[in-house]
């Protein structure tokens, strides 16, 4: 496999009755979710040879989730079924443009049971891009497995990526999440996070000090997602920012995972950083116009079409 992703696979239920409070919703649609699974599907749809390392419950939900991943051409050889643990479940209200509360059921979640043995580490070594997320650091043994996989990928000279992916339901406190994420930074080339997540990661309220803290930890590239203000990328040598693309919001859930897929696709193919950011923005813009996560991930022609349509909008790279 060219791309290896380690992390959460979840079962998502989205409200079919839009604009109705979650407590009153009677009908839902089912979808594959989980940040890592979404990114894996997103990169597979963009033409990459992707495999995922994860764990799901040995339950009725696993059959659907694994079938979906296989249909998307994601290699599931390293997804284990864990008896006695639960596949992560999430219910989402859909009340555009700005209300999308979620309820997570993560009591004894199976994705905290991820382990990496020789076969998994061989898969990590074979990849040129390794992607994981902060939720995988929330509990043992997945915490140790994630750090071992990152270390192995770094030693094999793969590009390593950490999506901070903060989910309060997985942590005792934001401070605990930030402390664990910092332990991974020595093995990470690229960090992705929104403003709150980078604040959590660094413990710094000031944006400039946040950037300095992450880069001083050995990270080569920090991407800060700024919501309606766009996105920026920082290295020791320069900074780049691009504005967001205008879009009618249907659901913001999954937009960050779509951004990661679009951005990493271009980065992995050696594109200029501004083009990577624009592709990430385009992928996110497509997903916020849809409901669901993995099902909503765009294909390359959709991203290219949106970027062509936006090319005359006056968007410019900012120094």
C-alpha atoms as a PDB file:
ATOM      1  CA  UNK A   1       0.000   0.000   0.000  1.00  0.00           C
ATOM      2  CA  UNK A   2       1.118   3.548  -0.741  1.00  0.00           C
ATOM      3  CA  UNK A   3      -0.864   5.191   2.083  1.00  0.00           C
ATOM      4  CA  UNK A   4      -1.383   3.675   5.535  1.00  0.00           C
ATOM      5  CA  UNK A   5      -3.967   5.151   7.922  1.00  0.00           C
ATOM      6  CA  UNK A   6      -4.245   4.166  11.580  1.00  0.00           C
ATOM      7  CA  UNK A   7      -7.232   5.078  13.698  1.00  0.00           C
ATOM      8  CA  UNK A   8     -10.921   5.222  14.307  1.00  0.00           C
ATOM      9  CA  UNK A   9     -13.677   3.536  12.306  1.00  0.00           C
ATOM     10  CA  UNK A  10     -17.179   4.446  13.441  1.00  0.00           C
ATOM     11  CA  UNK A  11     -20.851   3.909  12.701  1.00  0.00           C
ATOM     12  CA  UNK A  12     -22.691   7.191  12.069  1.00  0.00           C
ATOM     13  CA  UNK A  13     -26.419   7.915  12.151  1.00  0.00           C
ATOM     14  CA  UNK A  14     -27.482  11.209  10.537  1.00  0.00           C
ATOM     15  CA  UNK A  15     -30.889  12.780  11.112  1.00  0.00           C
ATOM     16  CA  UNK A  16     -33.095  12.580   8.030  1.00  0.00           C
ATOM     17  CA  UNK A  17     -35.390  15.250   9.471  1.00  0.00           C
ATOM     18  CA  UNK A  18     -33.311  18.366   8.928  1.00  0.00           C
ATOM     19  CA  UNK A  19     -33.814  21.349  11.196  1.00  0.00           C
ATOM     20  CA  UNK A  20     -35.324  19.215  13.941  1.00  0.00           C
ATOM     21  CA  UNK A  21     -33.670  18.963  17.395  1.00  0.00           C
ATOM     22  CA  UNK A  22     -31.865  15.692  17.861  1.00  0.00           C
ATOM     23  CA  UNK A  23     -34.111  14.720  20.776  1.00  0.00           C
ATOM     24  CA  UNK A  24     -37.117  14.848  18.425  1.00  0.00           C
ATOM     25  CA  UNK A  25     -35.601  13.089  15.400  1.00  0.00           C
ATOM     26  CA  UNK A  26     -37.291   9.796  14.534  1.00  0.00           C
ATOM     27  CA  UNK A  27     -35.489   8.727  11.352  1.00  0.00           C
ATOM     28  CA  UNK A  28     -31.762   8.394  10.614  1.00  0.00           C
ATOM     29  CA  UNK A  29     -29.548   7.250   7.743  1.00  0.00           C
ATOM     30  CA  UNK A  30     -26.518   5.061   8.429  1.00  0.00           C
ATOM     31  CA  UNK A  31     -22.975   5.805   7.234  1.00  0.00           C
ATOM     32  CA  UNK A  32     -19.368   4.826   7.754  1.00  0.00           C
ATOM     33  CA  UNK A  33     -17.665   7.407   9.963  1.00  0.00           C
ATOM     34  CA  UNK A  34     -14.619   7.984  12.112  1.00  0.00           C
ATOM     35  CA  UNK A  35     -11.928  10.476  11.173  1.00  0.00           C
ATOM     36  CA  UNK A  36      -9.375   7.900  10.038  1.00  0.00           C
ATOM     37  CA  UNK A  37     -11.908   5.927   8.026  1.00  0.00           C
ATOM     38  CA  UNK A  38     -13.138   9.099   6.354  1.00  0.00           C
ATOM     39  CA  UNK A  39      -9.603  10.126   5.378  1.00  0.00           C
ATOM     40  CA  UNK A  40      -8.858   6.626   4.105  1.00  0.00           C
ATOM     41  CA  UNK A  41     -11.938   6.687   1.873  1.00  0.00           C
ATOM     42  CA  UNK A  42     -11.146  10.227   0.750  1.00  0.00           C
ATOM     43  CA  UNK A  43      -7.614   9.319  -0.333  1.00  0.00           C
ATOM     44  CA  UNK A  44      -8.801   6.090  -1.995  1.00  0.00           C
ATOM     45  CA  UNK A  45     -11.340   8.070  -4.034  1.00  0.00           C
ATOM     46  CA  UNK A  46      -8.485  10.320  -5.127  1.00  0.00           C
ATOM     47  CA  UNK A  47      -6.641   7.345  -6.579  1.00  0.00           C
ATOM     48  CA  UNK A  48      -4.297   6.212  -3.816  1.00  0.00           C
ATOM     49  CA  UNK A  49      -3.592   2.641  -2.716  1.00  0.00           C
ATOM     50  CA  UNK A  50      -4.825   2.916   0.879  1.00  0.00           C
ATOM     51  CA  UNK A  51      -4.920   0.532   3.806  1.00  0.00           C
ATOM     52  CA  UNK A  52      -6.246   1.083   7.319  1.00  0.00           C
ATOM     53  CA  UNK A  53      -5.128  -0.278  10.698  1.00  0.00           C
ATOM     54  CA  UNK A  54      -7.984  -0.273  13.192  1.00  0.00           C
ATOM     55  CA  UNK A  55     -10.291  -2.301  15.424  1.00  0.00           C
ATOM     56  CA  UNK A  56     -14.066  -2.599  15.489  1.00  0.00           C
ATOM     57  CA  UNK A  57     -16.430  -4.546  17.684  1.00  0.00           C
ATOM     58  CA  UNK A  58     -17.227  -8.131  16.838  1.00  0.00           C
ATOM     59  CA  UNK A  59     -20.811  -7.060  16.283  1.00  0.00           C
ATOM     60  CA  UNK A  60     -23.456  -6.604  13.617  1.00  0.00           C
ATOM     61  CA  UNK A  61     -22.127  -3.151  12.698  1.00  0.00           C
ATOM     62  CA  UNK A  62     -18.705  -4.423  11.645  1.00  0.00           C
ATOM     63  CA  UNK A  63     -20.031  -6.287   8.597  1.00  0.00           C
ATOM     64  CA  UNK A  64     -21.453  -3.094   7.104  1.00  0.00           C
ATOM     65  CA  UNK A  65     -18.374  -1.005   7.923  1.00  0.00           C
ATOM     66  CA  UNK A  66     -15.878  -3.459   6.465  1.00  0.00           C
ATOM     67  CA  UNK A  67     -18.011  -3.997   3.354  1.00  0.00           C
ATOM     68  CA  UNK A  68     -18.164  -0.245   2.782  1.00  0.00           C
ATOM     69  CA  UNK A  69     -14.389   0.134   3.099  1.00  0.00           C
ATOM     70  CA  UNK A  70     -13.747  -2.774   0.755  1.00  0.00           C
ATOM     71  CA  UNK A  71     -16.158  -1.327  -1.814  1.00  0.00           C
ATOM     72  CA  UNK A  72     -14.122   1.887  -1.664  1.00  0.00           C
ATOM     73  CA  UNK A  73     -10.947  -0.152  -2.334  1.00  0.00           C
ATOM     74  CA  UNK A  74      -9.513   0.431   1.138  1.00  0.00           C
ATOM     75  CA  UNK A  75      -7.402  -2.529   2.295  1.00  0.00           C
ATOM     76  CA  UNK A  76      -8.947  -3.871   5.525  1.00  0.00           C
ATOM     77  CA  UNK A  77      -6.534  -6.733   6.242  1.00  0.00           C
ATOM     78  CA  UNK A  78      -5.400  -4.973   9.410  1.00  0.00           C
ATOM     79  CA  UNK A  79      -8.828  -4.219  10.884  1.00  0.00           C
ATOM     80  CA  UNK A  80      -9.374  -6.540  13.856  1.00  0.00           C
ATOM     81  CA  UNK A  81     -12.690  -7.632  15.340  1.00  0.00           C
ATOM     82  CA  UNK A  82     -12.545  -7.238  19.131  1.00  0.00           C
ATOM     83  CA  UNK A  83     -15.088  -9.245  21.183  1.00  0.00           C
ATOM     84  CA  UNK A  84     -16.410  -7.469  24.255  1.00  0.00           C
ATOM     85  CA  UNK A  85     -15.761  -3.954  22.936  1.00  0.00           C
ATOM     86  CA  UNK A  86     -18.102  -1.654  21.066  1.00  0.00           C
ATOM     87  CA  UNK A  87     -17.893  -0.133  17.627  1.00  0.00           C
ATOM     88  CA  UNK A  88     -17.985   3.641  18.095  1.00  0.00           C
ATOM     89  CA  UNK A  89     -21.458   5.101  17.428  1.00  0.00           C
ATOM     90  CA  UNK A  90     -22.362   8.720  16.700  1.00  0.00           C
ATOM     91  CA  UNK A  91     -25.765  10.396  16.203  1.00  0.00           C
ATOM     92  CA  UNK A  92     -25.824  13.760  14.403  1.00  0.00           C
ATOM     93  CA  UNK A  93     -28.452  16.477  14.175  1.00  0.00           C
ATOM     94  CA  UNK A  94     -28.572  18.262  10.810  1.00  0.00           C
ATOM     95  CA  UNK A  95     -29.814  21.831  11.248  1.00  0.00           C
ATOM     96  CA  UNK A  96     -28.075  24.046   8.682  1.00  0.00           C
ATOM     97  CA  UNK A  97     -26.366  26.377   8.486  1.00  0.00           C
ATOM     98  CA  UNK A  98     -24.652  26.164  11.864  1.00  0.00           C
ATOM     99  CA  UNK A  99     -26.210  23.600  14.188  1.00  0.00           C
ATOM    100  CA  UNK A 100     -24.841  20.056  13.990  1.00  0.00           C
ATOM    101  CA  UNK A 101     -24.673  18.676  17.552  1.00  0.00           C
ATOM    102  CA  UNK A 102     -23.462  15.121  17.937  1.00  0.00           C
ATOM    103  CA  UNK A 103     -23.867  12.444  20.580  1.00  0.00           C
ATOM    104  CA  UNK A 104     -20.998   9.932  20.762  1.00  0.00           C
ATOM    105  CA  UNK A 105     -21.325   6.494  22.325  1.00  0.00           C
ATOM    106  CA  UNK A 106     -17.777   5.487  23.213  1.00  0.00           C
ATOM    107  CA  UNK A 107     -17.985   3.251  26.255  1.00  0.00           C
ATOM    108  CA  UNK A 108     -15.190   0.684  25.876  1.00  0.00           C
ATOM    109  CA  UNK A 109     -14.714   1.562  22.194  1.00  0.00           C
ATOM    110  CA  UNK A 110     -13.042  -1.085  20.081  1.00  0.00           C
ATOM    111  CA  UNK A 111     -10.797   1.449  18.361  1.00  0.00           C
ATOM    112  CA  UNK A 112      -8.847   1.863  21.622  1.00  0.00           C
ATOM    113  CA  UNK A 113      -7.760  -1.782  21.235  1.00  0.00           C
ATOM    114  CA  UNK A 114      -5.613  -1.228  18.152  1.00  0.00           C
ATOM    115  CA  UNK A 115      -2.341  -3.139  18.323  1.00  0.00           C
ATOM    116  CA  UNK A 116       0.526  -3.339  15.859  1.00  0.00           C
ATOM    117  CA  UNK A 117       2.502  -6.520  15.384  1.00  0.00           C
ATOM    118  CA  UNK A 118       5.019  -7.480  12.699  1.00  0.00           C
ATOM    119  CA  UNK A 119       2.428  -7.618   9.854  1.00  0.00           C
ATOM    120  CA  UNK A 120       1.081  -4.145  10.671  1.00  0.00           C
ATOM    121  CA  UNK A 121       4.552  -2.661  11.035  1.00  0.00           C
ATOM    122  CA  UNK A 122       5.568  -4.196   7.699  1.00  0.00           C
ATOM    123  CA  UNK A 123       2.579  -2.450   6.129  1.00  0.00           C
ATOM    124  CA  UNK A 124       3.628   0.827   7.739  1.00  0.00           C
ATOM    125  CA  UNK A 125       7.172   0.412   6.382  1.00  0.00           C
ATOM    126  CA  UNK A 126       5.841  -0.190   2.867  1.00  0.00           C
ATOM    127  CA  UNK A 127       3.844   3.051   2.825  1.00  0.00           C
ATOM    128  CA  UNK A 128       5.114   6.400   1.606  1.00  0.00           C
ATOM    129  CA  UNK A 129       2.473   8.292   3.613  1.00  0.00           C
ATOM    130  CA  UNK A 130       1.343   7.385   7.152  1.00  0.00           C
ATOM    131  CA  UNK A 131      -1.652   9.177   8.666  1.00  0.00           C
ATOM    132  CA  UNK A 132      -3.043   8.950  12.200  1.00  0.00           C
ATOM    133  CA  UNK A 133      -4.972  11.107  14.650  1.00  0.00           C
ATOM    134  CA  UNK A 134      -5.059  12.312  18.224  1.00  0.00           C
ATOM    135  CA  UNK A 135      -8.001  10.123  19.235  1.00  0.00           C
ATOM    136  CA  UNK A 136      -5.782   7.068  18.752  1.00  0.00           C
ATOM    137  CA  UNK A 137      -3.640   8.343  21.633  1.00  0.00           C
ATOM    138  CA  UNK A 138      -6.548   8.455  24.090  1.00  0.00           C
ATOM    139  CA  UNK A 139      -6.132   5.009  25.655  1.00  0.00           C
ATOM    140  CA  UNK A 140      -3.963   1.911  25.764  1.00  0.00           C
ATOM    141  CA  UNK A 141      -3.063  -0.176  23.834  1.00  0.00           C
ATOM    142  CA  UNK A 142      -3.892   2.055  20.838  1.00  0.00           C
ATOM    143  CA  UNK A 143      -1.714   4.832  22.308  1.00  0.00           C
ATOM    144  CA  UNK A 144       1.389   2.673  22.308  1.00  0.00           C
ATOM    145  CA  UNK A 145       0.490   1.186  18.918  1.00  0.00           C
ATOM    146  CA  UNK A 146       0.122   4.637  17.400  1.00  0.00           C
ATOM    147  CA  UNK A 147       3.476   5.829  18.700  1.00  0.00           C
ATOM    148  CA  UNK A 148       5.172   2.615  17.551  1.00  0.00           C
ATOM    149  CA  UNK A 149       3.672   2.979  14.081  1.00  0.00           C
ATOM    150  CA  UNK A 150       4.713   6.636  13.862  1.00  0.00           C
ATOM    151  CA  UNK A 151       8.244   5.759  14.935  1.00  0.00           C
ATOM    152  CA  UNK A 152       8.400   2.924  12.390  1.00  0.00           C
ATOM    153  CA  UNK A 153       7.084   5.126   9.597  1.00  0.00           C
ATOM    154  CA  UNK A 154       9.614   7.842  10.428  1.00  0.00           C
ATOM    155  CA  UNK A 155      12.466   5.313  10.412  1.00  0.00           C
ATOM    156  CA  UNK A 156      11.253   4.046   7.010  1.00  0.00           C
ATOM    157  CA  UNK A 157      11.318   7.656   5.704  1.00  0.00           C
ATOM    158  CA  UNK A 158       7.584   7.806   5.069  1.00  0.00           C
ATOM    159  CA  UNK A 159       5.868  11.174   5.473  1.00  0.00           C
ATOM    160  CA  UNK A 160       4.042  11.076   8.815  1.00  0.00           C
ATOM    161  CA  UNK A 161       0.851  13.034   9.498  1.00  0.00           C
ATOM    162  CA  UNK A 162      -1.010  13.727  12.754  1.00  0.00           C
ATOM    163  CA  UNK A 163      -4.563  15.083  12.557  1.00  0.00           C
ATOM    164  CA  UNK A 164      -5.200  16.400  16.084  1.00  0.00           C
ATOM    165  CA  UNK A 165      -8.878  15.313  15.823  1.00  0.00           C
ATOM    166  CA  UNK A 166      -9.946  16.293  19.345  1.00  0.00           C
ATOM    167  CA  UNK A 167     -13.103  14.533  20.557  1.00  0.00           C
ATOM    168  CA  UNK A 168     -14.046  15.482  24.113  1.00  0.00           C
ATOM    169  CA  UNK A 169     -15.849  12.168  24.661  1.00  0.00           C
ATOM    170  CA  UNK A 170     -12.514  10.344  24.408  1.00  0.00           C
ATOM    171  CA  UNK A 171     -10.623  12.392  26.985  1.00  0.00           C
ATOM    172  CA  UNK A 172     -10.745  13.368  30.642  1.00  0.00           C
ATOM    173  CA  UNK A 173      -9.792  16.935  29.709  1.00  0.00           C
ATOM    174  CA  UNK A 174      -8.450  19.026  26.803  1.00  0.00           C
ATOM    175  CA  UNK A 175      -5.160  19.301  28.692  1.00  0.00           C
ATOM    176  CA  UNK A 176      -4.797  15.514  28.775  1.00  0.00           C
ATOM    177  CA  UNK A 177      -5.418  15.348  25.028  1.00  0.00           C
ATOM    178  CA  UNK A 178      -2.835  18.028  24.354  1.00  0.00           C
ATOM    179  CA  UNK A 179      -0.233  16.363  26.557  1.00  0.00           C
ATOM    180  CA  UNK A 180      -0.600  13.016  24.804  1.00  0.00           C
ATOM    181  CA  UNK A 181      -0.537  14.582  21.342  1.00  0.00           C
ATOM    182  CA  UNK A 182       2.717  16.343  22.182  1.00  0.00           C
ATOM    183  CA  UNK A 183       4.379  12.976  22.818  1.00  0.00           C
ATOM    184  CA  UNK A 184       3.850  12.140  19.139  1.00  0.00           C
ATOM    185  CA  UNK A 185       5.349  15.330  17.700  1.00  0.00           C
ATOM    186  CA  UNK A 186       8.971  14.092  17.525  1.00  0.00           C
ATOM    187  CA  UNK A 187       7.828  11.497  14.982  1.00  0.00           C
ATOM    188  CA  UNK A 188       5.497  13.747  12.933  1.00  0.00           C
ATOM    189  CA  UNK A 189       6.227  15.619   9.710  1.00  0.00           C
ATOM    190  CA  UNK A 190       2.808  17.267   9.210  1.00  0.00           C
ATOM    191  CA  UNK A 191       0.282  18.430  11.826  1.00  0.00           C
ATOM    192  CA  UNK A 192      -3.313  19.272  10.872  1.00  0.00           C
ATOM    193  CA  UNK A 193      -5.701  21.026  13.240  1.00  0.00           C
ATOM    194  CA  UNK A 194      -8.223  23.800  13.675  1.00  0.00           C
ATOM    195  CA  UNK A 195      -7.543  26.795  15.917  1.00  0.00           C
ATOM    196  CA  UNK A 196      -8.929  25.177  19.056  1.00  0.00           C
ATOM    197  CA  UNK A 197      -6.987  21.977  18.424  1.00  0.00           C
ATOM    198  CA  UNK A 198      -3.677  23.776  17.931  1.00  0.00           C
ATOM    199  CA  UNK A 199      -4.319  25.750  21.110  1.00  0.00           C
ATOM    200  CA  UNK A 200      -4.972  22.458  22.909  1.00  0.00           C
ATOM    201  CA  UNK A 201      -1.834  20.911  21.386  1.00  0.00           C
ATOM    202  CA  UNK A 202       0.491  23.717  22.408  1.00  0.00           C
ATOM    203  CA  UNK A 203      -1.154  25.257  25.460  1.00  0.00           C
ATOM    204  CA  UNK A 204      -0.477  28.626  23.835  1.00  0.00           C
ATOM    205  CA  UNK A 205      -3.260  31.188  23.197  1.00  0.00           C
ATOM    206  CA  UNK A 206      -1.167  33.259  20.797  1.00  0.00           C
ATOM    207  CA  UNK A 207      -1.097  32.073  17.164  1.00  0.00           C
ATOM    208  CA  UNK A 208       2.553  32.948  16.573  1.00  0.00           C
ATOM    209  CA  UNK A 209       3.677  31.128  19.666  1.00  0.00           C
ATOM    210  CA  UNK A 210       1.550  28.140  18.643  1.00  0.00           C
ATOM    211  CA  UNK A 211       3.310  27.930  15.299  1.00  0.00           C
ATOM    212  CA  UNK A 212       6.722  28.265  16.925  1.00  0.00           C
ATOM    213  CA  UNK A 213       5.930  25.602  19.529  1.00  0.00           C
ATOM    214  CA  UNK A 214       4.882  23.006  16.948  1.00  0.00           C
ATOM    215  CA  UNK A 215       7.805  23.677  14.600  1.00  0.00           C
ATOM    216  CA  UNK A 216      10.286  23.723  17.495  1.00  0.00           C
ATOM    217  CA  UNK A 217       9.056  20.225  18.419  1.00  0.00           C
ATOM    218  CA  UNK A 218      10.469  18.978  15.099  1.00  0.00           C
ATOM    219  CA  UNK A 219       7.355  19.132  12.909  1.00  0.00           C
ATOM    220  CA  UNK A 220       8.117  20.259   9.361  1.00  0.00           C
ATOM    221  CA  UNK A 221       4.697  21.592   8.362  1.00  0.00           C
ATOM    222  CA  UNK A 222       1.816  22.920  10.462  1.00  0.00           C
ATOM    223  CA  UNK A 223      -1.614  23.448   8.886  1.00  0.00           C
ATOM    224  CA  UNK A 224      -4.040  25.637  10.862  1.00  0.00           C
ATOM    225  CA  UNK A 225      -7.656  25.540   9.683  1.00  0.00           C
ATOM    226  CA  UNK A 226      -9.323  28.876  10.371  1.00  0.00           C
ATOM    227  CA  UNK A 227     -12.938  28.170   9.420  1.00  0.00           C
ATOM    228  CA  UNK A 228     -14.531  31.102   7.616  1.00  0.00           C
ATOM    229  CA  UNK A 229     -11.108  32.821   7.432  1.00  0.00           C
ATOM    230  CA  UNK A 230      -9.552  30.066   5.342  1.00  0.00           C
ATOM    231  CA  UNK A 231      -6.466  28.023   6.105  1.00  0.00           C
ATOM    232  CA  UNK A 232      -2.758  28.617   6.588  1.00  0.00           C
ATOM    233  CA  UNK A 233       0.379  26.478   6.437  1.00  0.00           C
ATOM    234  CA  UNK A 234       3.656  27.164   8.208  1.00  0.00           C
ATOM    235  CA  UNK A 235       7.203  25.853   7.896  1.00  0.00           C
ATOM    236  CA  UNK A 236      10.422  27.240   9.353  1.00  0.00           C
ATOM    237  CA  UNK A 237      11.045  29.015   6.051  1.00  0.00           C
ATOM    238  CA  UNK A 238       7.696  30.493   5.069  1.00  0.00           C
ATOM    239  CA  UNK A 239       3.955  30.712   5.584  1.00  0.00           C
ATOM    240  CA  UNK A 240       1.126  30.388   3.078  1.00  0.00           C
ATOM    241  CA  UNK A 241      -2.589  31.087   3.439  1.00  0.00           C
ATOM    242  CA  UNK A 242      -5.612  30.846   1.180  1.00  0.00           C
ATOM    243  CA  UNK A 243      -9.216  31.988   1.714  1.00  0.00           C
ATOM    244  CA  UNK A 244     -12.149  29.584   1.905  1.00  0.00           C
ATOM    245  CA  UNK A 245     -14.396  28.779  -1.015  1.00  0.00           C
ATOM    246  CA  UNK A 246     -17.989  30.064  -0.758  1.00  0.00           C
ATOM    247  CA  UNK A 247     -20.486  27.249  -0.352  1.00  0.00           C
ATOM    248  CA  UNK A 248     -24.035  26.608   0.778  1.00  0.00           C
ATOM    249  CA  UNK A 249     -23.748  24.714   4.043  1.00  0.00           C
ATOM    250  CA  UNK A 250     -25.787  21.546   4.467  1.00  0.00           C
ATOM    251  CA  UNK A 251     -23.609  19.888   7.124  1.00  0.00           C
ATOM    252  CA  UNK A 252     -20.133  20.761   8.379  1.00  0.00           C
ATOM    253  CA  UNK A 253     -19.500  17.257   9.757  1.00  0.00           C
ATOM    254  CA  UNK A 254     -16.649  15.603   7.866  1.00  0.00           C
ATOM    255  CA  UNK A 255     -15.308  18.814   6.366  1.00  0.00           C
ATOM    256  CA  UNK A 256     -12.023  18.537   8.260  1.00  0.00           C
ATOM    257  CA  UNK A 257     -11.499  14.968   7.075  1.00  0.00           C
ATOM    258  CA  UNK A 258     -12.254  16.007   3.503  1.00  0.00           C
ATOM    259  CA  UNK A 259      -9.755  18.849   3.812  1.00  0.00           C
ATOM    260  CA  UNK A 260      -7.133  16.391   5.024  1.00  0.00           C
ATOM    261  CA  UNK A 261      -7.773  14.085   2.062  1.00  0.00           C
ATOM    262  CA  UNK A 262      -7.626  16.836  -0.541  1.00  0.00           C
ATOM    263  CA  UNK A 263      -4.600  18.502   1.029  1.00  0.00           C
ATOM    264  CA  UNK A 264      -2.621  15.292   1.554  1.00  0.00           C
ATOM    265  CA  UNK A 265      -3.395  14.066  -1.943  1.00  0.00           C
ATOM    266  CA  UNK A 266      -1.758  17.134  -3.469  1.00  0.00           C
ATOM    267  CA  UNK A 267       1.081  17.156  -0.940  1.00  0.00           C
ATOM    268  CA  UNK A 268       1.808  13.482  -1.593  1.00  0.00           C
ATOM    269  CA  UNK A 269       2.000  14.219  -5.313  1.00  0.00           C
ATOM    270  CA  UNK A 270       4.514  17.018  -4.758  1.00  0.00           C
ATOM    271  CA  UNK A 271       2.297  19.995  -5.568  1.00  0.00           C
ATOM    272  CA  UNK A 272       3.092  23.547  -4.382  1.00  0.00           C
ATOM    273  CA  UNK A 273       1.792  24.256  -0.904  1.00  0.00           C
ATOM    274  CA  UNK A 274      -0.808  26.817  -2.005  1.00  0.00           C
ATOM    275  CA  UNK A 275      -2.270  24.272  -4.443  1.00  0.00           C
ATOM    276  CA  UNK A 276      -2.423  21.720  -1.615  1.00  0.00           C
ATOM    277  CA  UNK A 277      -4.363  24.166   0.549  1.00  0.00           C
ATOM    278  CA  UNK A 278      -6.755  25.031  -2.270  1.00  0.00           C
ATOM    279  CA  UNK A 279      -7.424  21.367  -2.986  1.00  0.00           C
ATOM    280  CA  UNK A 280      -8.125  20.788   0.707  1.00  0.00           C
ATOM    281  CA  UNK A 281     -10.500  23.756   0.761  1.00  0.00           C
ATOM    282  CA  UNK A 282     -12.282  22.474  -2.342  1.00  0.00           C
ATOM    283  CA  UNK A 283     -12.721  18.990  -0.877  1.00  0.00           C
ATOM    284  CA  UNK A 284     -14.080  20.481   2.355  1.00  0.00           C
ATOM    285  CA  UNK A 285     -16.432  22.793   0.434  1.00  0.00           C
ATOM    286  CA  UNK A 286     -17.880  19.828  -1.439  1.00  0.00           C
ATOM    287  CA  UNK A 287     -18.494  17.864   1.754  1.00  0.00           C
ATOM    288  CA  UNK A 288     -20.216  20.717   3.609  1.00  0.00           C
ATOM    289  CA  UNK A 289     -22.712  20.779   0.749  1.00  0.00           C
ATOM    290  CA  UNK A 290     -23.668  17.179   1.526  1.00  0.00           C
ATOM    291  CA  UNK A 291     -24.803  15.085   4.481  1.00  0.00           C
ATOM    292  CA  UNK A 292     -22.505  12.346   5.857  1.00  0.00           C
ATOM    293  CA  UNK A 293     -18.752  11.849   5.925  1.00  0.00           C
ATOM    294  CA  UNK A 294     -17.277   8.914   4.009  1.00  0.00           C
ATOM    295  CA  UNK A 295     -20.136   8.805   1.490  1.00  0.00           C
ATOM    296  CA  UNK A 296     -19.620  12.519   0.846  1.00  0.00           C
ATOM    297  CA  UNK A 297     -15.874  12.404   0.130  1.00  0.00           C
ATOM    298  CA  UNK A 298     -15.226  13.860  -3.334  1.00  0.00           C
ATOM    299  CA  UNK A 299     -13.550  12.351  -6.369  1.00  0.00           C
ATOM    300  CA  UNK A 300     -10.719  14.089  -8.200  1.00  0.00           C
ATOM    301  CA  UNK A 301     -12.904  15.376 -11.035  1.00  0.00           C
ATOM    302  CA  UNK A 302     -15.229  17.069  -8.512  1.00  0.00           C
ATOM    303  CA  UNK A 303     -12.343  18.881  -6.824  1.00  0.00           C
ATOM    304  CA  UNK A 304     -10.853  19.947 -10.152  1.00  0.00           C
ATOM    305  CA  UNK A 305     -14.217  21.195 -11.404  1.00  0.00           C
ATOM    306  CA  UNK A 306     -14.771  23.310  -8.292  1.00  0.00           C
ATOM    307  CA  UNK A 307     -11.254  24.753  -8.463  1.00  0.00           C
ATOM    308  CA  UNK A 308     -11.751  25.670 -12.119  1.00  0.00           C
ATOM    309  CA  UNK A 309     -15.014  27.393 -11.260  1.00  0.00           C
ATOM    310  CA  UNK A 310     -13.293  29.316  -8.472  1.00  0.00           C
ATOM    311  CA  UNK A 311     -10.218  30.264 -10.499  1.00  0.00           C
ATOM    312  CA  UNK A 312     -11.715  33.568 -11.608  1.00  0.00           C
ATOM    313  CA  UNK A 313     -12.895  34.564  -8.141  1.00  0.00           C
ATOM    314  CA  UNK A 314      -9.777  36.569  -7.316  1.00  0.00           C
ATOM    315  CA  UNK A 315      -8.414  34.158  -4.710  1.00  0.00           C
ATOM    316  CA  UNK A 316      -4.738  34.835  -4.107  1.00  0.00           C
ATOM    317  CA  UNK A 317      -2.033  33.288  -1.973  1.00  0.00           C
ATOM    318  CA  UNK A 318      -1.133  35.473   1.019  1.00  0.00           C
ATOM    319  CA  UNK A 319       2.511  35.836   2.092  1.00  0.00           C
END
